[in-house]
Protein backbone atom coordinates (compact mmCIF):
# COMPACT_ATOMS: atom_id res chain seq x y z
CA MET A 1 -0.16 0.00 0.12
CA ARG A 2 1.12 3.37 -1.28
CA MET A 3 0.47 6.90 0.38
CA TYR A 4 0.50 8.67 -2.97
CA ASP A 5 -2.49 5.67 -4.08
CA LEU A 6 -4.27 7.55 -1.46
CA ILE A 7 -3.80 10.92 -2.05
CA GLU A 8 -4.60 10.24 -5.47
CA LYS A 9 -7.96 7.94 -4.43
CA LYS A 10 -9.02 11.31 -2.50
CA ARG A 11 -7.94 14.12 -4.97
CA ASP A 12 -10.45 12.51 -7.27
CA GLY A 13 -13.63 12.10 -4.52
CA LYS A 14 -13.40 8.32 -4.22
CA GLU A 15 -13.90 6.71 -0.78
CA LEU A 16 -11.04 5.53 1.28
CA THR A 17 -11.23 1.75 2.75
CA LYS A 18 -10.93 0.70 6.48
CA ASP A 19 -7.45 -0.75 5.80
CA GLU A 20 -5.83 2.55 3.82
CA ILE A 21 -7.43 4.86 6.56
CA HIS A 22 -5.84 2.84 9.06
CA PHE A 23 -2.50 2.73 7.06
CA PHE A 24 -2.45 6.11 6.86
CA ILE A 25 -2.96 6.90 10.30
CA ASP A 26 -0.53 4.25 11.93
CA GLY A 27 2.06 5.40 9.52
CA TYR A 28 2.06 9.28 10.36
CA THR A 29 1.79 8.51 14.16
CA ASN A 30 5.13 6.32 13.83
CA GLY A 31 6.87 8.74 11.59
CA ASP A 32 6.81 6.68 8.78
CA ILE A 33 4.76 8.80 6.58
CA PRO A 34 5.97 12.25 5.73
CA ASP A 35 4.33 15.44 6.62
CA TYR A 36 3.87 16.64 3.32
CA GLN A 37 2.17 13.66 1.25
CA VAL A 38 -0.42 13.58 4.58
CA SER A 39 -1.01 17.89 4.16
CA ALA A 40 -1.87 16.92 0.66
CA LEU A 41 -4.77 14.19 1.86
CA LEU A 42 -5.93 16.39 4.49
CA MET A 43 -6.22 19.12 1.59
CA ALA A 44 -7.87 16.46 -0.78
CA THR A 45 -10.05 15.58 2.88
CA PHE A 46 -10.88 18.98 2.80
CA PHE A 47 -12.22 19.25 -0.44
CA GLN A 48 -13.91 15.91 -1.23
CA ASP A 49 -15.12 15.11 2.13
CA MET A 50 -15.67 12.30 3.56
CA THR A 51 -18.17 9.71 3.27
CA GLU A 52 -19.91 8.54 7.16
CA ALA A 53 -18.24 5.33 7.14
CA GLU A 54 -14.67 6.94 6.54
CA ARG A 55 -16.04 9.46 8.95
CA ALA A 56 -16.34 6.78 11.44
CA GLU A 57 -13.24 4.96 10.42
CA LEU A 58 -10.75 8.06 10.95
CA THR A 59 -12.12 8.26 14.55
CA ALA A 60 -11.42 5.25 14.93
CA SER A 61 -7.65 4.24 14.00
CA MET A 62 -7.36 7.60 15.93
CA VAL A 63 -8.78 6.26 19.06
CA ALA A 64 -6.57 3.51 18.14
CA SER A 65 -3.52 5.19 18.17
CA GLY A 66 -2.63 5.97 21.69
CA GLU A 67 -4.29 5.10 24.94
CA GLN A 68 -7.47 4.48 26.07
CA ILE A 69 -9.15 4.63 29.58
CA ASP A 70 -11.26 1.86 30.42
CA LEU A 71 -13.85 3.53 32.91
CA SER A 72 -15.48 -0.19 33.08
CA ALA A 73 -14.83 0.11 36.72
CA ILE A 74 -17.36 2.57 37.69
CA SER A 75 -20.93 1.45 38.25
CA GLY A 76 -23.42 3.07 35.44
CA VAL A 77 -23.77 4.23 32.50
CA LYS A 78 -20.75 6.96 32.29
CA VAL A 79 -22.11 10.27 30.01
CA ASP A 80 -19.79 12.74 28.88
CA LYS A 81 -20.65 16.47 27.50
CA HIS A 82 -18.45 18.48 25.28
CA SER A 83 -19.03 22.11 24.14
CA THR A 84 -17.34 22.99 20.86
CA GLY A 85 -16.46 26.84 22.60
CA GLY A 86 -17.45 29.85 23.60
CA VAL A 87 -16.93 33.00 25.70
CA GLY A 88 -18.14 32.37 29.10
CA ASP A 89 -19.03 28.89 28.76
CA THR A 90 -19.34 27.73 32.54
CA THR A 91 -21.61 24.40 32.01
CA THR A 92 -19.35 22.06 33.19
CA LEU A 93 -18.79 23.50 36.11
CA ILE A 94 -23.04 23.27 37.04
CA LEU A 95 -23.07 19.92 35.13
CA ALA A 96 -20.74 17.95 36.87
CA PRO A 97 -22.63 17.88 39.93
CA LEU A 98 -25.76 19.15 38.98
CA VAL A 99 -26.32 15.50 36.75
CA ALA A 100 -24.27 13.18 39.81
CA SER A 101 -27.22 14.42 42.19
CA VAL A 102 -29.70 12.61 40.43
CA GLY A 103 -27.04 9.33 40.29
CA VAL A 104 -25.52 10.12 36.68
CA PRO A 105 -21.74 9.11 37.53
CA VAL A 106 -19.55 11.56 35.17
CA ALA A 107 -15.85 10.96 34.74
CA LYS A 108 -14.53 13.79 33.24
CA MET A 109 -11.19 14.78 31.58
CA SER A 110 -10.61 18.38 30.81
CA GLY A 111 -8.10 20.96 29.17
CA ARG A 112 -6.83 23.86 30.08
CA GLY A 113 -7.75 26.44 27.42
CA LEU A 114 -5.78 28.66 24.67
CA GLY A 115 -7.45 31.49 23.92
CA HIS A 116 -10.33 33.93 25.69
CA THR A 117 -10.50 32.33 29.29
CA GLY A 118 -8.75 29.08 30.63
CA GLY A 119 -10.43 25.88 30.46
CA THR A 120 -12.42 23.70 32.47
CA ILE A 121 -9.54 22.78 34.60
CA ASP A 122 -7.73 26.45 34.54
CA LYS A 123 -11.35 27.15 36.15
CA LEU A 124 -11.32 24.92 38.53
CA GLU A 125 -7.57 24.99 39.70
CA ALA A 126 -8.85 29.28 40.71
CA ILE A 127 -10.49 26.93 43.97
CA PRO A 128 -7.84 26.82 46.55
CA GLY A 129 -6.24 23.93 47.08
CA PHE A 130 -7.71 22.21 44.11
CA HIS A 131 -5.89 19.70 42.26
CA VAL A 132 -6.35 17.96 39.22
CA GLU A 133 -3.67 15.26 39.72
CA LEU A 134 -5.82 11.81 39.84
CA SER A 135 -4.24 8.47 39.63
CA ASN A 136 -6.47 6.64 37.51
CA ASP A 137 -7.48 4.62 40.90
CA GLU A 138 -8.40 7.81 42.65
CA PHE A 139 -9.78 8.97 39.49
CA ILE A 140 -11.89 5.63 39.63
CA ASP A 141 -13.06 5.63 43.00
CA SER A 142 -13.72 9.40 43.45
CA VAL A 143 -16.44 8.49 40.65
CA ASN A 144 -18.12 6.06 42.20
CA LYS A 145 -18.46 7.43 46.23
CA ASN A 146 -19.21 10.68 44.70
CA LYS A 147 -20.48 9.89 41.30
CA VAL A 148 -17.95 12.85 40.14
CA ALA A 149 -14.51 13.89 39.63
CA VAL A 150 -12.65 15.82 36.95
CA VAL A 151 -9.23 15.22 35.92
CA GLY A 152 -7.05 16.56 33.48
CA GLN A 153 -6.16 14.86 30.32
CA THR A 154 -3.65 12.59 29.91
CA GLY A 155 -0.90 13.06 27.57
CA ASN A 156 -1.34 9.75 25.55
CA LEU A 157 -4.71 10.20 24.54
CA THR A 158 -5.14 10.28 20.76
CA PRO A 159 -1.67 11.11 19.47
CA ALA A 160 -2.38 10.98 16.03
CA ASP A 161 -4.86 13.67 16.89
CA LYS A 162 -2.07 15.91 18.16
CA LYS A 163 0.00 15.39 14.90
CA LEU A 164 -3.12 16.41 12.23
CA TYR A 165 -4.17 19.24 14.11
CA SER A 166 -0.64 21.05 13.70
CA LEU A 167 -0.65 20.25 10.65
CA ARG A 168 -3.64 21.48 9.63
CA ASP A 169 -3.30 24.29 11.65
CA VAL A 170 -0.72 25.29 8.87
CA THR A 171 -2.05 23.94 5.86
CA ALA A 172 -5.32 25.72 6.06
CA THR A 173 -6.98 22.44 6.82
CA VAL A 174 -8.44 23.18 9.66
CA ASN A 175 -12.18 24.04 8.68
CA SER A 176 -13.22 20.50 7.71
CA ILE A 177 -15.83 18.70 9.10
CA PRO A 178 -14.68 15.05 9.01
CA LEU A 179 -11.34 16.81 10.14
CA ILE A 180 -13.03 18.77 12.89
CA ALA A 181 -15.51 16.11 14.19
CA SER A 182 -13.41 12.80 14.52
CA SER A 183 -10.67 14.93 16.29
CA ILE A 184 -13.42 15.52 18.47
CA MET A 185 -15.02 12.56 18.91
CA SER A 186 -11.85 11.24 19.22
CA LYS A 187 -11.03 12.35 22.58
CA LYS A 188 -14.51 11.94 23.49
CA ILE A 189 -14.15 8.07 23.02
CA ALA A 190 -10.31 7.38 23.86
CA SER A 191 -11.83 8.87 27.08
CA GLY A 192 -14.37 6.39 27.60
CA ALA A 193 -17.60 7.10 28.22
CA ASP A 194 -20.55 5.09 27.59
CA ALA A 195 -22.68 7.76 26.16
CA ILE A 196 -21.60 11.60 24.68
CA VAL A 197 -23.62 14.82 24.52
CA LEU A 198 -22.66 17.58 22.45
CA ASP A 199 -23.24 21.36 23.12
CA VAL A 200 -21.90 22.74 19.60
CA LYS A 201 -22.04 26.02 19.45
CA THR A 202 -23.06 28.86 16.72
CA GLY A 203 -23.11 32.49 16.00
CA THR A 204 -19.95 35.39 16.54
CA GLY A 205 -18.93 34.00 19.66
CA ALA A 206 -18.45 30.38 17.72
CA PHE A 207 -15.98 28.37 16.10
CA MET A 208 -19.06 27.88 14.06
CA LYS A 209 -20.63 31.25 12.78
CA ASP A 210 -22.77 29.48 10.51
CA TYR A 211 -26.13 27.79 12.09
CA HIS A 212 -26.21 25.41 8.65
CA GLU A 213 -22.11 24.67 9.57
CA ALA A 214 -22.79 24.30 13.10
CA LYS A 215 -25.86 21.49 11.62
CA ALA A 216 -23.34 19.99 9.56
CA LEU A 217 -20.97 19.22 12.49
CA ALA A 218 -23.47 18.33 15.11
CA GLU A 219 -24.40 15.39 12.55
CA ALA A 220 -21.16 14.06 11.79
CA MET A 221 -20.30 14.12 15.18
CA VAL A 222 -23.42 12.48 16.03
CA SER A 223 -22.92 9.85 13.25
CA ILE A 224 -19.76 8.77 14.13
CA GLY A 225 -20.15 8.43 17.44
CA ASN A 226 -23.55 6.31 16.84
CA HIS A 227 -21.04 4.69 14.28
CA VAL A 228 -18.78 3.36 17.05
CA GLY A 229 -21.27 2.25 19.47
CA ARG A 230 -21.23 5.71 21.68
CA ASP A 231 -25.28 6.88 22.18
CA THR A 232 -24.86 10.81 20.95
CA LEU A 233 -26.87 13.29 20.36
CA ALA A 234 -26.10 16.85 20.02
CA ILE A 235 -27.51 20.40 20.80
CA ILE A 236 -27.23 23.36 19.23
CA SER A 237 -27.23 26.69 21.13
CA ASP A 238 -26.74 30.32 20.91
CA MET A 239 -23.07 31.72 20.80
CA ASN A 240 -24.19 35.06 19.46
CA GLN A 241 -23.14 36.85 23.28
CA PRO A 242 -21.39 34.92 26.11
CA LEU A 243 -23.52 32.44 27.74
CA GLY A 244 -24.05 33.72 31.51
CA LYS A 245 -22.56 36.82 32.75
CA ALA A 246 -18.83 36.21 34.09
CA ILE A 247 -16.43 35.81 31.43
CA GLY A 248 -13.02 34.98 33.88
CA ASN A 249 -11.70 32.30 35.54
CA ALA A 250 -12.65 32.56 39.27
CA LEU A 251 -15.75 34.95 38.04
CA GLU A 252 -16.87 31.73 36.37
CA VAL A 253 -16.86 29.92 39.66
CA LYS A 254 -18.51 32.21 41.52
CA GLU A 255 -21.17 31.92 38.89
CA ALA A 256 -21.11 28.48 38.78
CA ILE A 257 -21.86 28.18 42.47
CA ASP A 258 -24.68 30.99 42.03
CA THR A 259 -26.05 29.16 39.36
CA LEU A 260 -26.21 25.89 41.67
CA GLN A 261 -28.06 27.99 44.36
CA GLY A 262 -30.52 28.44 41.94
CA ASN A 263 -29.54 31.94 41.45
CA GLY A 264 -27.62 31.97 38.31
CA PRO A 265 -28.54 33.89 34.17
CA SER A 266 -31.45 32.70 32.94
CA ASP A 267 -30.01 31.30 30.08
CA LEU A 268 -26.99 29.41 31.70
CA THR A 269 -29.27 27.82 33.94
CA ALA A 270 -31.67 27.00 30.79
CA LEU A 271 -28.72 25.50 29.21
CA CYS A 272 -27.43 23.35 31.77
CA LEU A 273 -30.88 21.89 32.54
CA GLU A 274 -31.12 20.95 28.54
CA LEU A 275 -27.60 19.84 28.29
CA GLY A 276 -28.21 17.99 31.81
CA SER A 277 -31.21 16.14 30.59
CA HIS A 278 -30.61 14.33 27.93
CA MET A 279 -27.01 13.54 30.32
CA THR A 280 -29.77 12.36 32.78
CA VAL A 281 -31.55 10.00 30.37
CA LEU A 282 -28.56 8.73 28.46
CA ALA A 283 -27.62 7.33 31.97
CA GLY A 284 -30.99 5.25 32.06
CA LYS A 285 -31.92 7.68 35.21
CA ALA A 286 -35.14 9.42 33.71
CA ASP A 287 -37.47 8.23 30.65
CA THR A 288 -37.72 11.47 29.33
CA VAL A 289 -36.38 14.71 28.95
CA GLU A 290 -39.18 16.31 30.50
CA GLU A 291 -38.78 14.08 33.86
CA ALA A 292 -35.13 14.52 34.14
CA LYS A 293 -35.38 18.23 33.87
CA LYS A 294 -37.79 18.50 36.65
CA ARG A 295 -35.23 16.10 38.72
CA LEU A 296 -32.96 18.49 38.08
CA THR A 297 -34.47 21.63 38.91
CA GLU A 298 -35.56 20.29 41.94
CA ASN A 299 -31.81 19.82 43.16
CA LEU A 300 -31.01 23.29 41.93
CA ASN A 301 -33.56 24.32 44.58
CA ASN A 302 -33.24 21.76 47.39
CA GLY A 303 -29.47 22.18 47.59
CA LYS A 304 -28.40 18.65 46.50
CA ALA A 305 -26.63 19.75 43.91
CA LEU A 306 -24.82 22.39 45.39
CA GLU A 307 -24.06 19.89 48.19
CA ARG A 308 -22.14 17.67 45.49
CA PHE A 309 -20.09 20.66 43.87
CA LYS A 310 -18.63 21.36 47.84
CA THR A 311 -18.16 17.14 48.15
CA PHE A 312 -16.50 17.39 44.72
CA VAL A 313 -14.23 20.45 45.48
CA GLU A 314 -13.03 18.86 48.68
CA SER A 315 -12.71 15.19 47.62
CA GLN A 316 -10.19 17.13 45.02
CA GLY A 317 -8.58 18.60 48.02
CA GLY A 318 -10.80 22.12 46.79
CA ASP A 319 -11.36 24.75 49.93
CA PRO A 320 -15.06 23.80 50.49
CA ARG A 321 -15.54 27.13 52.62
CA VAL A 322 -15.74 29.04 48.61
CA ILE A 323 -19.09 27.79 48.50
CA ASP A 324 -20.13 29.65 50.81
CA HIS A 325 -17.54 32.11 50.99
CA PRO A 326 -16.40 33.16 47.28
CA GLU A 327 -14.63 36.39 48.33
CA LEU A 328 -12.07 33.50 49.39
CA LEU A 329 -11.44 32.77 45.44
CA PRO A 330 -8.83 35.40 43.71
CA GLN A 331 -9.65 38.69 43.43
CA ALA A 332 -8.57 41.00 41.14
CA THR A 333 -7.13 44.44 42.76
CA HIS A 334 -9.78 46.85 40.61
CA LYS A 335 -13.48 47.03 40.08
CA ILE A 336 -13.82 49.34 37.25
CA GLU A 337 -17.34 49.30 35.60
CA LEU A 338 -17.71 50.97 32.15
CA PRO A 339 -21.22 53.00 31.95
CA ALA A 340 -23.74 53.32 29.04
CA THR A 341 -23.57 56.18 26.93
CA LYS A 342 -27.00 56.19 26.03
CA SER A 343 -30.09 55.15 27.14
CA GLY A 344 -31.89 52.21 24.60
CA THR A 345 -31.96 48.67 24.59
CA VAL A 346 -28.75 46.43 23.76
CA SER A 347 -29.02 44.94 20.36
CA GLU A 348 -25.39 43.67 20.05
CA ILE A 349 -23.02 42.11 22.08
CA ILE A 350 -19.83 40.76 19.90
CA ALA A 351 -18.87 38.00 21.72
CA ASP A 352 -15.35 37.24 20.25
CA ASP A 353 -14.26 40.56 21.13
CA ILE A 354 -15.86 40.29 24.58
CA GLY A 355 -13.80 37.53 25.20
CA THR A 356 -10.33 39.14 23.62
CA ALA A 357 -11.06 41.95 25.82
CA ALA A 358 -10.87 39.56 28.58
CA MET A 359 -8.05 37.23 27.64
CA MET A 360 -6.22 41.14 26.93
CA LEU A 361 -6.58 41.41 30.51
CA GLY A 362 -5.04 38.19 31.51
CA ALA A 363 -7.71 35.77 31.33
CA GLY A 364 -6.64 33.27 28.91
CA ARG A 365 -3.75 32.32 27.07
CA SER A 366 -2.49 33.56 23.41
CA THR A 367 0.25 30.40 23.82
CA LYS A 368 0.82 27.55 25.11
CA ASN A 369 2.99 29.26 27.31
CA SER A 370 1.19 32.48 28.62
CA GLU A 371 1.07 32.68 32.47
CA ILE A 372 -3.67 33.22 33.15
CA ASP A 373 -4.17 35.27 36.09
CA LEU A 374 -7.15 33.86 37.52
CA SER A 375 -8.61 36.92 39.01
CA VAL A 376 -9.09 39.30 36.07
CA GLY A 377 -12.36 39.36 33.76
CA ILE A 378 -14.85 41.01 32.92
CA VAL A 379 -18.72 40.53 34.00
CA LEU A 380 -21.61 41.80 32.34
CA HIS A 381 -25.15 43.31 33.75
CA LYS A 382 -27.07 43.63 30.43
CA LYS A 383 -27.78 40.91 27.52
CA ILE A 384 -28.86 41.21 24.66
CA GLY A 385 -32.57 42.59 25.26
CA ASP A 386 -32.28 44.11 28.37
CA THR A 387 -33.16 48.34 28.68
CA VAL A 388 -30.41 50.26 29.70
CA ASN A 389 -30.20 53.70 31.11
CA GLU A 390 -27.60 56.44 30.43
CA GLY A 391 -25.02 56.14 33.09
CA GLU A 392 -25.90 52.74 34.17
CA PRO A 393 -23.18 49.94 33.76
CA LEU A 394 -22.62 47.71 31.12
CA VAL A 395 -20.02 45.57 32.41
CA THR A 396 -17.56 45.20 35.52
CA ILE A 397 -13.96 45.03 35.12
CA HIS A 398 -12.03 42.94 36.83
CA THR A 399 -8.85 44.17 36.75
CA ASN A 400 -4.79 43.89 37.99
CA ASP A 401 -3.48 46.89 36.32
CA SER A 402 -5.39 50.37 35.84
CA SER A 403 -4.45 51.47 32.73
CA ILE A 404 -7.08 49.77 30.34
CA ASP A 405 -8.10 51.72 27.90
CA THR A 406 -7.57 50.35 24.90
CA ILE A 407 -9.88 47.21 26.34
CA LYS A 408 -12.53 49.86 27.65
CA GLU A 409 -12.29 51.04 23.62
CA LYS A 410 -12.93 47.58 22.83
CA LEU A 411 -15.91 46.92 25.16
CA TYR A 412 -17.79 50.28 24.32
CA ALA A 413 -17.04 48.62 20.27
CA SER A 414 -18.56 45.52 21.30
CA ILE A 415 -21.56 46.74 22.79
CA SER A 416 -24.60 48.20 20.71
CA VAL A 417 -27.37 49.99 21.93
CA SER A 418 -30.70 50.82 20.07
CA ASP A 419 -33.65 53.45 19.78
CA HIS A 420 -35.90 50.30 19.56
CA ALA A 421 -37.16 47.37 21.14
CA VAL A 422 -34.76 44.43 19.98
CA GLU A 423 -35.68 40.18 21.02
CA ALA A 424 -33.56 38.38 23.01
CA PRO A 425 -31.19 35.62 20.89
CA THR A 426 -32.96 31.91 20.88
CA LEU A 427 -30.71 30.21 23.29
CA ILE A 428 -31.56 26.62 21.54
CA HIS A 429 -31.86 26.17 17.87
CA SER A 430 -32.04 22.10 17.58
CA THR A 431 -31.55 18.92 18.67
CA VAL A 432 -29.52 16.38 16.65
CA ARG A 433 -30.14 12.48 17.31
């Protein structure tokens, strides 16, 4: 078998076989196939797409290229959640203890984040003492005991994906549905979950800004999951404005605590209940989404979800006092309000630009070696559709640098106020099963 023939075959729009895909992935992972030939195949795939069978085989080959986590020692159906990212996406911090409170085992591996703010691991490390380094036995024991544990991703998962992504990044082949879908799903499948709920974002703050592209990606990932034996569904949710109100690591932890107390932003709460309901049904803990949503809502209101979060934090070395005293979280030196310059209705919040402003404050990484300031970020006081009076604060900037005129200008340019009434955007666009 020759790589030349695979490139030619895909260039001409023909379907690669299972053996051909495994040959390509194995050879590239082992260093036997050079970058220039893989680049050619990636570009051919970019233009010619892949069939459902090819996408599933590509994903399975990427999974087989490295370590696979065995969660069989954890009782029950393990359901994972993945978000395609966005601004102010605090859902994992809320969902993990929330669904655990109704008996769904959550054995989650998360990463650190490049971009606007840190990843889930960075956010959790804003809690004093919290650690994400657990042995495999400790991880499994914690889930069996508490129904929830979150650890950092192992470096041995899907090495083929890491090599392919580095090459895609420099060959203009990142925005390819089969390549994106196989990249995401290979990591989820290798992490050992029995079922997967995907939160695919669309809008100005999302990777997939167009709804139809987001739907195509969701359909591709659901198809892959089901092809390889994982019960998978996707929710397509809106990211035309930040989710919730907090953008920044410690600020998002506080918002998660507020939400678990039943006092969170309405959009963040609604999305967590939607995602959590599907996770609960897939885990066999409820027969219908409506029944699951009722149980989860009850646990937000009766304190069980919050108590599960406290147990989760304490079991991983974190200071449980932060739940009742969030002031123990890292605090920025300055809190600067940005007042509205006119009265009206908030008509636009450019999520990407708000996220970039938070990164400029130090809340995120521009490179892998960047240091994150866990205390800084932005809290929105108004969302699209809200009325605002001149002089009323639009946002509060949490910063350790008082000289932030450039960031203020960026925030003002990111938030528009209209003289006319504006409806809030639809939060959940569709479900892909």
